[in-house]
Amino acid sequence: MSPSICLAILLLALVSPSLASASINDNNGVTVAAPRVPVAFQFLQGHNDARREVGVAPLEWNWTLGQDAKRSPVP
């Protein structure tokens, strides 16, 4: 598989919303759905945690690149 296809697949995975669901109990015993954090930000946070440990500046999400990756056909 070419590097550009691998990159497109990775970016598509990163911009997809998380499929995991979570819930939060409020003080009244009512369970409400927790907001979903997109997988992209989960990956980015983990990556930036590792970068911080070695003294490297964090990365920031590029919305334009993410949207382009979503629209790109994957062969």
Foldseek 3Di string as FASTA:
>chain_A
DDPVLVVLVVLQQLQAWDPDWDWDQDPVRDIDTDDTDGNNVVVQVVVQVVCVVVPHDGDDDDVVVSVVSNPDDRD
